[in-house]
């Protein structure tokens, strides 16, 4: 049986259309499902086609998790709490619909593969997800091959928040600089994969000439599109051939088929381009990155010497002039 494809969201964003319609395009026979709050459901019914839309359901386990939650992150409490509770909502939905497993997509992920064929191709496992770093995993594309493994993850998460010792240990593993923390669902997915009795694989490993992207905004072993002079980072350059995305390995130039692309953070701007099988104008994205994330001081140091209008500077940036 083909696993259903599920995305969760609060409020509404057009990125849902790119995410879910792309998933449906490559999985015409699969159930593609959006779980959202009231605002999301109302808007989704106007804009989404051939996609099931359901209201998020918070069962007793989710409400207990909401009560026990402790916030230790530089991101907002509302965001981090929802990122954890969504797994409980998916668990409740699978139980209500008597579905044995699912493929979960973050709303900023584009799926270019057929789930039924991937189930046969990928190694036998309980859980397939993407590695983020040494302590965190990301569920941007994740295969929960049984309802039990998702139930186990939710109960594992609740057990950590019920145990002060285990929560402090998790916090210590996810401590950032200057005493800050980043405890999130990614931390919990990492701990679950390491500590629980679960057979798991990483999707963002090269496998038979294919790859599941965990963040397109980081070039990793692939050739980058454009290098930002301040952050010193490049985004992956994505090529399209016959309607499918490819990246080129840095060392050999070999073209690797991308089964999914995670348009993390500022890279969400690329979703309409990738969904239409087009390369994205990444230079404009880096300007958005400057404006959104850098301090005014750094921004002024970088651009303040230009005695021209901001409109003129914008045109220079797009053309690539310095």
C-alpha atoms as a PDB file:
ATOM      1  CA  UNK A   1       0.000   0.000   0.000  1.00  0.00           C
ATOM      2  CA  UNK A   2       1.330   3.459  -0.937  1.00  0.00           C
ATOM      3  CA  UNK A   3       2.016   5.653   2.062  1.00  0.00           C
ATOM      4  CA  UNK A   4      -0.016   8.885   2.251  1.00  0.00           C
ATOM      5  CA  UNK A   5       1.908  12.164   1.954  1.00  0.00           C
ATOM      6  CA  UNK A   6       1.166  14.570   4.809  1.00  0.00           C
ATOM      7  CA  UNK A   7       2.050  18.215   5.465  1.00  0.00           C
ATOM      8  CA  UNK A   8       1.061  20.277   8.507  1.00  0.00           C
ATOM      9  CA  UNK A   9       0.720  24.047   8.744  1.00  0.00           C
ATOM     10  CA  UNK A  10      -0.697  26.925  10.786  1.00  0.00           C
ATOM     11  CA  UNK A  11      -2.268  29.950   9.063  1.00  0.00           C
ATOM     12  CA  UNK A  12      -1.761  29.839   5.283  1.00  0.00           C
ATOM     13  CA  UNK A  13       1.030  30.447   2.794  1.00  0.00           C
ATOM     14  CA  UNK A  14       1.237  30.047  -1.010  1.00  0.00           C
ATOM     15  CA  UNK A  15       4.224  27.743  -0.483  1.00  0.00           C
ATOM     16  CA  UNK A  16       1.666  25.041   0.392  1.00  0.00           C
ATOM     17  CA  UNK A  17       0.454  25.102  -3.203  1.00  0.00           C
ATOM     18  CA  UNK A  18       3.961  24.482  -4.557  1.00  0.00           C
ATOM     19  CA  UNK A  19       4.667  21.775  -1.977  1.00  0.00           C
ATOM     20  CA  UNK A  20       1.436  19.798  -2.278  1.00  0.00           C
ATOM     21  CA  UNK A  21       0.797  20.187  -5.998  1.00  0.00           C
ATOM     22  CA  UNK A  22       4.345  19.037  -6.767  1.00  0.00           C
ATOM     23  CA  UNK A  23       3.882  16.029  -4.483  1.00  0.00           C
ATOM     24  CA  UNK A  24       0.577  15.175  -6.204  1.00  0.00           C
ATOM     25  CA  UNK A  25       2.113  15.580  -9.666  1.00  0.00           C
ATOM     26  CA  UNK A  26       4.658  12.860  -8.916  1.00  0.00           C
ATOM     27  CA  UNK A  27       2.245  10.737  -6.849  1.00  0.00           C
ATOM     28  CA  UNK A  28      -1.091  10.849  -8.697  1.00  0.00           C
ATOM     29  CA  UNK A  29      -2.414   7.710  -6.974  1.00  0.00           C
ATOM     30  CA  UNK A  30      -1.338   8.603  -3.439  1.00  0.00           C
ATOM     31  CA  UNK A  31      -3.341  10.467  -0.837  1.00  0.00           C
ATOM     32  CA  UNK A  32      -1.814  13.947  -0.447  1.00  0.00           C
ATOM     33  CA  UNK A  33      -3.043  15.496   2.784  1.00  0.00           C
ATOM     34  CA  UNK A  34      -2.799  18.864   4.509  1.00  0.00           C
ATOM     35  CA  UNK A  35      -3.473  19.126   8.244  1.00  0.00           C
ATOM     36  CA  UNK A  36      -4.006  22.744   9.262  1.00  0.00           C
ATOM     37  CA  UNK A  37      -5.683  25.084  11.720  1.00  0.00           C
ATOM     38  CA  UNK A  38      -9.012  26.751  10.927  1.00  0.00           C
ATOM     39  CA  UNK A  39      -7.463  29.625   8.954  1.00  0.00           C
ATOM     40  CA  UNK A  40      -5.282  27.257   6.969  1.00  0.00           C
ATOM     41  CA  UNK A  41      -8.155  24.905   6.153  1.00  0.00           C
ATOM     42  CA  UNK A  42     -10.434  27.744   5.009  1.00  0.00           C
ATOM     43  CA  UNK A  43      -7.809  29.179   2.629  1.00  0.00           C
ATOM     44  CA  UNK A  44      -6.526  25.807   1.461  1.00  0.00           C
ATOM     45  CA  UNK A  45      -9.960  24.773   0.222  1.00  0.00           C
ATOM     46  CA  UNK A  46      -9.911  27.802  -2.089  1.00  0.00           C
ATOM     47  CA  UNK A  47      -6.454  27.197  -3.565  1.00  0.00           C
ATOM     48  CA  UNK A  48      -5.547  23.503  -3.357  1.00  0.00           C
ATOM     49  CA  UNK A  49      -6.780  20.938  -5.865  1.00  0.00           C
ATOM     50  CA  UNK A  50      -6.750  17.140  -5.598  1.00  0.00           C
ATOM     51  CA  UNK A  51      -5.469  17.514  -2.038  1.00  0.00           C
ATOM     52  CA  UNK A  52      -7.277  16.391   1.110  1.00  0.00           C
ATOM     53  CA  UNK A  53      -7.593  19.121   3.732  1.00  0.00           C
ATOM     54  CA  UNK A  54      -8.242  18.275   7.372  1.00  0.00           C
ATOM     55  CA  UNK A  55      -8.323  20.203  10.635  1.00  0.00           C
ATOM     56  CA  UNK A  56      -5.455  19.604  13.062  1.00  0.00           C
ATOM     57  CA  UNK A  57      -6.591  17.392  15.926  1.00  0.00           C
ATOM     58  CA  UNK A  58      -4.944  17.673  19.342  1.00  0.00           C
ATOM     59  CA  UNK A  59      -5.636  14.466  21.256  1.00  0.00           C
ATOM     60  CA  UNK A  60      -4.896  13.810  24.936  1.00  0.00           C
ATOM     61  CA  UNK A  61      -1.245  12.967  24.238  1.00  0.00           C
ATOM     62  CA  UNK A  62      -0.751  16.226  22.314  1.00  0.00           C
ATOM     63  CA  UNK A  63      -2.392  18.262  25.055  1.00  0.00           C
ATOM     64  CA  UNK A  64      -0.120  16.632  27.631  1.00  0.00           C
ATOM     65  CA  UNK A  65       2.892  17.515  25.486  1.00  0.00           C
ATOM     66  CA  UNK A  66       1.669  21.099  25.215  1.00  0.00           C
ATOM     67  CA  UNK A  67       1.410  21.296  29.010  1.00  0.00           C
ATOM     68  CA  UNK A  68       4.873  19.798  29.624  1.00  0.00           C
ATOM     69  CA  UNK A  69       6.715  21.820  26.950  1.00  0.00           C
ATOM     70  CA  UNK A  70       9.708  23.912  28.062  1.00  0.00           C
ATOM     71  CA  UNK A  71      11.087  26.490  25.675  1.00  0.00           C
ATOM     72  CA  UNK A  72      14.845  26.499  25.069  1.00  0.00           C
ATOM     73  CA  UNK A  73      15.460  28.010  21.666  1.00  0.00           C
ATOM     74  CA  UNK A  74      16.369  31.328  20.093  1.00  0.00           C
ATOM     75  CA  UNK A  75      13.376  30.876  17.781  1.00  0.00           C
ATOM     76  CA  UNK A  76       9.864  31.739  18.951  1.00  0.00           C
ATOM     77  CA  UNK A  77       8.046  29.521  21.440  1.00  0.00           C
ATOM     78  CA  UNK A  78       4.958  29.347  19.220  1.00  0.00           C
ATOM     79  CA  UNK A  79       7.009  28.082  16.277  1.00  0.00           C
ATOM     80  CA  UNK A  80       9.042  25.504  18.201  1.00  0.00           C
ATOM     81  CA  UNK A  81       6.014  24.165  20.064  1.00  0.00           C
ATOM     82  CA  UNK A  82       4.040  23.682  16.852  1.00  0.00           C
ATOM     83  CA  UNK A  83       6.997  21.929  15.216  1.00  0.00           C
ATOM     84  CA  UNK A  84       6.808  19.345  18.013  1.00  0.00           C
ATOM     85  CA  UNK A  85       3.020  19.129  18.298  1.00  0.00           C
ATOM     86  CA  UNK A  86       2.585  18.533  14.567  1.00  0.00           C
ATOM     87  CA  UNK A  87       4.031  15.023  14.977  1.00  0.00           C
ATOM     88  CA  UNK A  88       1.399  14.310  17.618  1.00  0.00           C
ATOM     89  CA  UNK A  89      -1.304  15.597  15.253  1.00  0.00           C
ATOM     90  CA  UNK A  90      -0.054  13.370  12.431  1.00  0.00           C
ATOM     91  CA  UNK A  91      -0.002  10.432  14.847  1.00  0.00           C
ATOM     92  CA  UNK A  92      -3.624  11.122  15.846  1.00  0.00           C
ATOM     93  CA  UNK A  93      -4.654  11.419  12.189  1.00  0.00           C
ATOM     94  CA  UNK A  94      -3.039   8.097  11.256  1.00  0.00           C
ATOM     95  CA  UNK A  95      -4.791   6.423  14.166  1.00  0.00           C
ATOM     96  CA  UNK A  96      -8.164   7.928  13.287  1.00  0.00           C
ATOM     97  CA  UNK A  97      -7.855   6.977   9.610  1.00  0.00           C
ATOM     98  CA  UNK A  98      -6.281   3.583  10.415  1.00  0.00           C
ATOM     99  CA  UNK A  99      -3.276   4.349   8.204  1.00  0.00           C
ATOM    100  CA  UNK A 100      -0.105   2.360   8.770  1.00  0.00           C
ATOM    101  CA  UNK A 101       2.564   5.012   8.253  1.00  0.00           C
ATOM    102  CA  UNK A 102       3.105   8.102   6.106  1.00  0.00           C
ATOM    103  CA  UNK A 103       5.590  10.284   4.286  1.00  0.00           C
ATOM    104  CA  UNK A 104       5.885  13.657   5.984  1.00  0.00           C
ATOM    105  CA  UNK A 105       6.914  16.797   4.092  1.00  0.00           C
ATOM    106  CA  UNK A 106       7.771  20.172   5.560  1.00  0.00           C
ATOM    107  CA  UNK A 107       5.743  22.843   3.792  1.00  0.00           C
ATOM    108  CA  UNK A 108       8.914  24.253   2.202  1.00  0.00           C
ATOM    109  CA  UNK A 109       9.881  20.908   0.629  1.00  0.00           C
ATOM    110  CA  UNK A 110       9.303  19.900  -2.987  1.00  0.00           C
ATOM    111  CA  UNK A 111       8.989  16.151  -3.606  1.00  0.00           C
ATOM    112  CA  UNK A 112      10.065  14.955  -7.075  1.00  0.00           C
ATOM    113  CA  UNK A 113       9.779  11.215  -6.472  1.00  0.00           C
ATOM    114  CA  UNK A 114       7.112   8.535  -6.454  1.00  0.00           C
ATOM    115  CA  UNK A 115       6.622   7.280  -2.917  1.00  0.00           C
ATOM    116  CA  UNK A 116       5.518   3.783  -3.927  1.00  0.00           C
ATOM    117  CA  UNK A 117       8.636   3.255  -6.058  1.00  0.00           C
ATOM    118  CA  UNK A 118      10.853   4.762  -3.353  1.00  0.00           C
ATOM    119  CA  UNK A 119       9.506   2.334  -0.761  1.00  0.00           C
ATOM    120  CA  UNK A 120      10.710  -0.521  -2.973  1.00  0.00           C
ATOM    121  CA  UNK A 121      14.070   1.132  -3.782  1.00  0.00           C
ATOM    122  CA  UNK A 122      15.171   2.333  -0.351  1.00  0.00           C
ATOM    123  CA  UNK A 123      16.733  -0.096   2.165  1.00  0.00           C
ATOM    124  CA  UNK A 124      14.300  -1.788   4.519  1.00  0.00           C
ATOM    125  CA  UNK A 125      13.854   0.424   7.593  1.00  0.00           C
ATOM    126  CA  UNK A 126      11.354   1.772  10.092  1.00  0.00           C
ATOM    127  CA  UNK A 127      12.288   5.411   9.629  1.00  0.00           C
ATOM    128  CA  UNK A 128      14.001   7.343   6.817  1.00  0.00           C
ATOM    129  CA  UNK A 129      14.850  11.002   7.359  1.00  0.00           C
ATOM    130  CA  UNK A 130      17.580  13.587   6.737  1.00  0.00           C
ATOM    131  CA  UNK A 131      20.627  14.258   8.901  1.00  0.00           C
ATOM    132  CA  UNK A 132      21.116  17.945   9.802  1.00  0.00           C
ATOM    133  CA  UNK A 133      24.251  17.838  11.954  1.00  0.00           C
ATOM    134  CA  UNK A 134      25.864  15.618  14.572  1.00  0.00           C
ATOM    135  CA  UNK A 135      22.972  15.889  17.049  1.00  0.00           C
ATOM    136  CA  UNK A 136      19.949  16.865  14.954  1.00  0.00           C
ATOM    137  CA  UNK A 137      17.854  15.256  12.224  1.00  0.00           C
ATOM    138  CA  UNK A 138      15.322  17.089  10.100  1.00  0.00           C
ATOM    139  CA  UNK A 139      11.926  15.794   9.032  1.00  0.00           C
ATOM    140  CA  UNK A 140      11.707  17.851   5.819  1.00  0.00           C
ATOM    141  CA  UNK A 141      11.225  14.554   3.964  1.00  0.00           C
ATOM    142  CA  UNK A 142      10.660  11.602   6.261  1.00  0.00           C
ATOM    143  CA  UNK A 143       9.265   8.097   5.768  1.00  0.00           C
ATOM    144  CA  UNK A 144       7.497   6.673   8.816  1.00  0.00           C
ATOM    145  CA  UNK A 145       7.017   3.144   7.521  1.00  0.00           C
ATOM    146  CA  UNK A 146       4.655   2.169  10.310  1.00  0.00           C
ATOM    147  CA  UNK A 147       2.255   3.962  12.604  1.00  0.00           C
ATOM    148  CA  UNK A 148       4.076   2.390  15.544  1.00  0.00           C
ATOM    149  CA  UNK A 149       7.356   4.199  14.862  1.00  0.00           C
ATOM    150  CA  UNK A 150       5.612   7.596  14.897  1.00  0.00           C
ATOM    151  CA  UNK A 151       3.757   6.634  18.081  1.00  0.00           C
ATOM    152  CA  UNK A 152       7.084   5.584  19.611  1.00  0.00           C
ATOM    153  CA  UNK A 153       8.637   8.927  18.656  1.00  0.00           C
ATOM    154  CA  UNK A 154       5.811  10.936  20.231  1.00  0.00           C
ATOM    155  CA  UNK A 155       5.993   8.937  23.472  1.00  0.00           C
ATOM    156  CA  UNK A 156       9.804   9.212  23.460  1.00  0.00           C
ATOM    157  CA  UNK A 157       9.429  13.003  23.168  1.00  0.00           C
ATOM    158  CA  UNK A 158       6.947  13.172  26.022  1.00  0.00           C
ATOM    159  CA  UNK A 159       9.180  10.984  28.197  1.00  0.00           C
ATOM    160  CA  UNK A 160      12.074  13.435  27.714  1.00  0.00           C
ATOM    161  CA  UNK A 161       9.950  16.413  28.796  1.00  0.00           C
ATOM    162  CA  UNK A 162       8.656  14.411  31.767  1.00  0.00           C
ATOM    163  CA  UNK A 163      12.208  13.715  32.945  1.00  0.00           C
ATOM    164  CA  UNK A 164      14.209  16.754  34.148  1.00  0.00           C
ATOM    165  CA  UNK A 165      17.469  14.788  33.850  1.00  0.00           C
ATOM    166  CA  UNK A 166      16.845  13.691  30.256  1.00  0.00           C
ATOM    167  CA  UNK A 167      15.676  17.161  29.242  1.00  0.00           C
ATOM    168  CA  UNK A 168      18.811  18.758  30.716  1.00  0.00           C
ATOM    169  CA  UNK A 169      20.941  16.207  28.860  1.00  0.00           C
ATOM    170  CA  UNK A 170      19.159  17.012  25.589  1.00  0.00           C
ATOM    171  CA  UNK A 171      19.604  20.737  26.248  1.00  0.00           C
ATOM    172  CA  UNK A 172      23.327  20.295  26.869  1.00  0.00           C
ATOM    173  CA  UNK A 173      23.675  18.444  23.552  1.00  0.00           C
ATOM    174  CA  UNK A 174      21.933  21.317  21.779  1.00  0.00           C
ATOM    175  CA  UNK A 175      23.671  24.262  23.423  1.00  0.00           C
ATOM    176  CA  UNK A 176      24.826  27.054  21.130  1.00  0.00           C
ATOM    177  CA  UNK A 177      27.338  29.812  21.787  1.00  0.00           C
ATOM    178  CA  UNK A 178      26.995  32.309  24.656  1.00  0.00           C
ATOM    179  CA  UNK A 179      24.774  30.026  26.704  1.00  0.00           C
ATOM    180  CA  UNK A 180      21.966  29.876  24.146  1.00  0.00           C
ATOM    181  CA  UNK A 181      20.064  26.709  23.246  1.00  0.00           C
ATOM    182  CA  UNK A 182      18.325  25.275  20.204  1.00  0.00           C
ATOM    183  CA  UNK A 183      16.100  22.484  21.475  1.00  0.00           C
ATOM    184  CA  UNK A 184      13.590  21.633  18.766  1.00  0.00           C
ATOM    185  CA  UNK A 185      11.837  18.727  17.085  1.00  0.00           C
ATOM    186  CA  UNK A 186      15.090  18.293  15.137  1.00  0.00           C
ATOM    187  CA  UNK A 187      16.894  17.682  18.453  1.00  0.00           C
ATOM    188  CA  UNK A 188      14.250  15.124  19.395  1.00  0.00           C
ATOM    189  CA  UNK A 189      14.416  13.345  16.030  1.00  0.00           C
ATOM    190  CA  UNK A 190      18.187  13.134  16.453  1.00  0.00           C
ATOM    191  CA  UNK A 191      17.921  11.728  19.977  1.00  0.00           C
ATOM    192  CA  UNK A 192      15.213   9.248  18.917  1.00  0.00           C
ATOM    193  CA  UNK A 193      17.313   7.938  16.042  1.00  0.00           C
ATOM    194  CA  UNK A 194      20.342   7.486  18.350  1.00  0.00           C
ATOM    195  CA  UNK A 195      18.669   6.120  21.487  1.00  0.00           C
ATOM    196  CA  UNK A 196      15.518   4.272  20.466  1.00  0.00           C
ATOM    197  CA  UNK A 197      15.346   0.761  19.078  1.00  0.00           C
ATOM    198  CA  UNK A 198      14.520   1.860  15.535  1.00  0.00           C
ATOM    199  CA  UNK A 199      15.969   0.862  12.171  1.00  0.00           C
ATOM    200  CA  UNK A 200      16.707   4.118  10.392  1.00  0.00           C
ATOM    201  CA  UNK A 201      18.503   5.445   7.319  1.00  0.00           C
ATOM    202  CA  UNK A 202      19.538   8.905   6.169  1.00  0.00           C
ATOM    203  CA  UNK A 203      17.905  10.074   2.957  1.00  0.00           C
ATOM    204  CA  UNK A 204      20.497  12.817   2.349  1.00  0.00           C
ATOM    205  CA  UNK A 205      23.203  10.316   1.468  1.00  0.00           C
ATOM    206  CA  UNK A 206      24.146   9.543  -2.131  1.00  0.00           C
ATOM    207  CA  UNK A 207      22.326   6.385  -3.124  1.00  0.00           C
ATOM    208  CA  UNK A 208      22.289   4.977  -6.673  1.00  0.00           C
ATOM    209  CA  UNK A 209      22.927   8.402  -8.167  1.00  0.00           C
ATOM    210  CA  UNK A 210      20.081  10.050  -6.224  1.00  0.00           C
ATOM    211  CA  UNK A 211      19.826  12.380  -3.240  1.00  0.00           C
ATOM    212  CA  UNK A 212      17.219  13.863  -0.888  1.00  0.00           C
ATOM    213  CA  UNK A 213      18.177  17.465  -0.124  1.00  0.00           C
ATOM    214  CA  UNK A 214      18.098  18.606   3.510  1.00  0.00           C
ATOM    215  CA  UNK A 215      18.756  22.329   2.815  1.00  0.00           C
ATOM    216  CA  UNK A 216      19.271  23.772  -0.635  1.00  0.00           C
ATOM    217  CA  UNK A 217      20.700  26.930   0.966  1.00  0.00           C
ATOM    218  CA  UNK A 218      23.900  25.004   1.791  1.00  0.00           C
ATOM    219  CA  UNK A 219      26.035  23.643  -1.031  1.00  0.00           C
ATOM    220  CA  UNK A 220      27.586  20.710   0.907  1.00  0.00           C
ATOM    221  CA  UNK A 221      29.288  18.421  -1.669  1.00  0.00           C
ATOM    222  CA  UNK A 222      27.521  20.011  -4.622  1.00  0.00           C
ATOM    223  CA  UNK A 223      28.483  22.865  -6.876  1.00  0.00           C
ATOM    224  CA  UNK A 224      27.112  26.169  -5.689  1.00  0.00           C
ATOM    225  CA  UNK A 225      25.123  28.659  -7.695  1.00  0.00           C
ATOM    226  CA  UNK A 226      26.528  31.885  -6.267  1.00  0.00           C
ATOM    227  CA  UNK A 227      28.765  32.763  -3.344  1.00  0.00           C
ATOM    228  CA  UNK A 228      27.678  35.403  -0.833  1.00  0.00           C
ATOM    229  CA  UNK A 229      30.564  37.760  -0.067  1.00  0.00           C
ATOM    230  CA  UNK A 230      29.534  38.224   3.571  1.00  0.00           C
ATOM    231  CA  UNK A 231      28.311  34.810   4.719  1.00  0.00           C
ATOM    232  CA  UNK A 232      30.850  32.922   2.538  1.00  0.00           C
ATOM    233  CA  UNK A 233      28.140  30.380   1.685  1.00  0.00           C
ATOM    234  CA  UNK A 234      26.865  29.119  -1.626  1.00  0.00           C
ATOM    235  CA  UNK A 235      23.492  27.620  -2.371  1.00  0.00           C
ATOM    236  CA  UNK A 236      23.259  24.429  -4.402  1.00  0.00           C
ATOM    237  CA  UNK A 237      22.884  25.003  -8.103  1.00  0.00           C
ATOM    238  CA  UNK A 238      19.844  23.063  -9.302  1.00  0.00           C
ATOM    239  CA  UNK A 239      19.558  22.069 -12.960  1.00  0.00           C
ATOM    240  CA  UNK A 240      16.424  20.686 -14.591  1.00  0.00           C
ATOM    241  CA  UNK A 241      16.316  17.978 -17.211  1.00  0.00           C
ATOM    242  CA  UNK A 242      13.097  16.343 -18.436  1.00  0.00           C
ATOM    243  CA  UNK A 243      11.211  17.988 -15.573  1.00  0.00           C
ATOM    244  CA  UNK A 244      13.460  16.615 -12.809  1.00  0.00           C
ATOM    245  CA  UNK A 245      16.051  18.448 -10.672  1.00  0.00           C
ATOM    246  CA  UNK A 246      19.757  17.618 -10.639  1.00  0.00           C
ATOM    247  CA  UNK A 247      22.815  18.857  -8.793  1.00  0.00           C
ATOM    248  CA  UNK A 248      26.449  18.456  -9.844  1.00  0.00           C
ATOM    249  CA  UNK A 249      29.073  17.018  -7.494  1.00  0.00           C
ATOM    250  CA  UNK A 250      31.935  19.426  -6.809  1.00  0.00           C
ATOM    251  CA  UNK A 251      34.781  17.034  -7.504  1.00  0.00           C
ATOM    252  CA  UNK A 252      33.569  15.081 -10.529  1.00  0.00           C
ATOM    253  CA  UNK A 253      30.735  17.137 -11.972  1.00  0.00           C
ATOM    254  CA  UNK A 254      28.547  14.022 -11.969  1.00  0.00           C
ATOM    255  CA  UNK A 255      24.848  14.925 -12.179  1.00  0.00           C
ATOM    256  CA  UNK A 256      22.850  13.622  -9.213  1.00  0.00           C
ATOM    257  CA  UNK A 257      19.058  13.313  -9.344  1.00  0.00           C
ATOM    258  CA  UNK A 258      17.398  15.174  -6.470  1.00  0.00           C
ATOM    259  CA  UNK A 259      14.381  13.271  -5.152  1.00  0.00           C
ATOM    260  CA  UNK A 260      13.351  16.212  -2.946  1.00  0.00           C
ATOM    261  CA  UNK A 261      14.487  19.801  -2.366  1.00  0.00           C
ATOM    262  CA  UNK A 262      14.187  21.504   1.024  1.00  0.00           C
ATOM    263  CA  UNK A 263      13.860  25.269   0.418  1.00  0.00           C
ATOM    264  CA  UNK A 264      14.915  26.114   3.945  1.00  0.00           C
ATOM    265  CA  UNK A 265      14.697  29.677   5.362  1.00  0.00           C
ATOM    266  CA  UNK A 266      15.274  32.398   2.729  1.00  0.00           C
ATOM    267  CA  UNK A 267      15.396  29.759  -0.032  1.00  0.00           C
ATOM    268  CA  UNK A 268      11.589  29.581   0.031  1.00  0.00           C
ATOM    269  CA  UNK A 269      11.703  32.258  -2.668  1.00  0.00           C
ATOM    270  CA  UNK A 270      12.907  29.516  -5.080  1.00  0.00           C
ATOM    271  CA  UNK A 271       9.855  27.270  -4.673  1.00  0.00           C
ATOM    272  CA  UNK A 272       7.773  28.694  -7.563  1.00  0.00           C
ATOM    273  CA  UNK A 273      10.793  28.389  -9.877  1.00  0.00           C
ATOM    274  CA  UNK A 274      11.647  24.823  -8.869  1.00  0.00           C
ATOM    275  CA  UNK A 275       7.991  23.780  -8.942  1.00  0.00           C
ATOM    276  CA  UNK A 276       7.870  25.033 -12.547  1.00  0.00           C
ATOM    277  CA  UNK A 277      11.124  23.132 -13.293  1.00  0.00           C
ATOM    278  CA  UNK A 278      13.181  26.307 -13.733  1.00  0.00           C
ATOM    279  CA  UNK A 279      16.465  27.482 -12.271  1.00  0.00           C
ATOM    280  CA  UNK A 280      16.087  30.184  -9.619  1.00  0.00           C
ATOM    281  CA  UNK A 281      17.671  33.695  -9.737  1.00  0.00           C
ATOM    282  CA  UNK A 282      19.675  33.213  -6.560  1.00  0.00           C
ATOM    283  CA  UNK A 283      21.337  36.656  -6.545  1.00  0.00           C
ATOM    284  CA  UNK A 284      18.047  38.274  -5.562  1.00  0.00           C
ATOM    285  CA  UNK A 285      17.708  35.796  -2.693  1.00  0.00           C
ATOM    286  CA  UNK A 286      21.003  36.870  -1.203  1.00  0.00           C
ATOM    287  CA  UNK A 287      19.841  40.496  -1.215  1.00  0.00           C
ATOM    288  CA  UNK A 288      16.816  39.352   0.801  1.00  0.00           C
ATOM    289  CA  UNK A 289      19.249  37.549   3.098  1.00  0.00           C
ATOM    290  CA  UNK A 290      21.205  40.773   3.660  1.00  0.00           C
ATOM    291  CA  UNK A 291      18.050  42.730   4.450  1.00  0.00           C
ATOM    292  CA  UNK A 292      16.470  40.121   6.705  1.00  0.00           C
ATOM    293  CA  UNK A 293      19.312  38.702   8.764  1.00  0.00           C
ATOM    294  CA  UNK A 294      22.357  40.978   8.837  1.00  0.00           C
ATOM    295  CA  UNK A 295      22.704  43.804  11.315  1.00  0.00           C
ATOM    296  CA  UNK A 296      22.158  47.365  10.012  1.00  0.00           C
ATOM    297  CA  UNK A 297      25.822  48.100  10.776  1.00  0.00           C
ATOM    298  CA  UNK A 298      27.104  45.288   8.538  1.00  0.00           C
ATOM    299  CA  UNK A 299      24.601  46.167   5.857  1.00  0.00           C
ATOM    300  CA  UNK A 300      25.740  49.797   5.869  1.00  0.00           C
ATOM    301  CA  UNK A 301      29.415  48.791   5.828  1.00  0.00           C
ATOM    302  CA  UNK A 302      28.739  46.651   2.773  1.00  0.00           C
ATOM    303  CA  UNK A 303      26.531  49.024   0.793  1.00  0.00           C
ATOM    304  CA  UNK A 304      26.747  52.471   2.416  1.00  0.00           C
ATOM    305  CA  UNK A 305      29.655  53.655   0.248  1.00  0.00           C
ATOM    306  CA  UNK A 306      27.440  53.701  -2.837  1.00  0.00           C
ATOM    307  CA  UNK A 307      26.031  57.213  -3.293  1.00  0.00           C
ATOM    308  CA  UNK A 308      23.161  56.045  -5.452  1.00  0.00           C
ATOM    309  CA  UNK A 309      19.509  55.317  -4.859  1.00  0.00           C
ATOM    310  CA  UNK A 310      18.561  51.990  -3.341  1.00  0.00           C
ATOM    311  CA  UNK A 311      16.700  51.210  -6.560  1.00  0.00           C
ATOM    312  CA  UNK A 312      19.913  51.761  -8.502  1.00  0.00           C
ATOM    313  CA  UNK A 313      21.862  49.587  -6.064  1.00  0.00           C
ATOM    314  CA  UNK A 314      19.237  46.861  -6.399  1.00  0.00           C
ATOM    315  CA  UNK A 315      19.682  46.873 -10.172  1.00  0.00           C
ATOM    316  CA  UNK A 316      23.466  46.627  -9.712  1.00  0.00           C
ATOM    317  CA  UNK A 317      23.103  43.670  -7.369  1.00  0.00           C
ATOM    318  CA  UNK A 318      20.817  41.809  -9.752  1.00  0.00           C
ATOM    319  CA  UNK A 319      23.248  42.383 -12.617  1.00  0.00           C
ATOM    320  CA  UNK A 320      26.123  41.213 -10.421  1.00  0.00           C
ATOM    321  CA  UNK A 321      28.174  44.399 -10.377  1.00  0.00           C
ATOM    322  CA  UNK A 322      30.280  45.358  -7.361  1.00  0.00           C
END
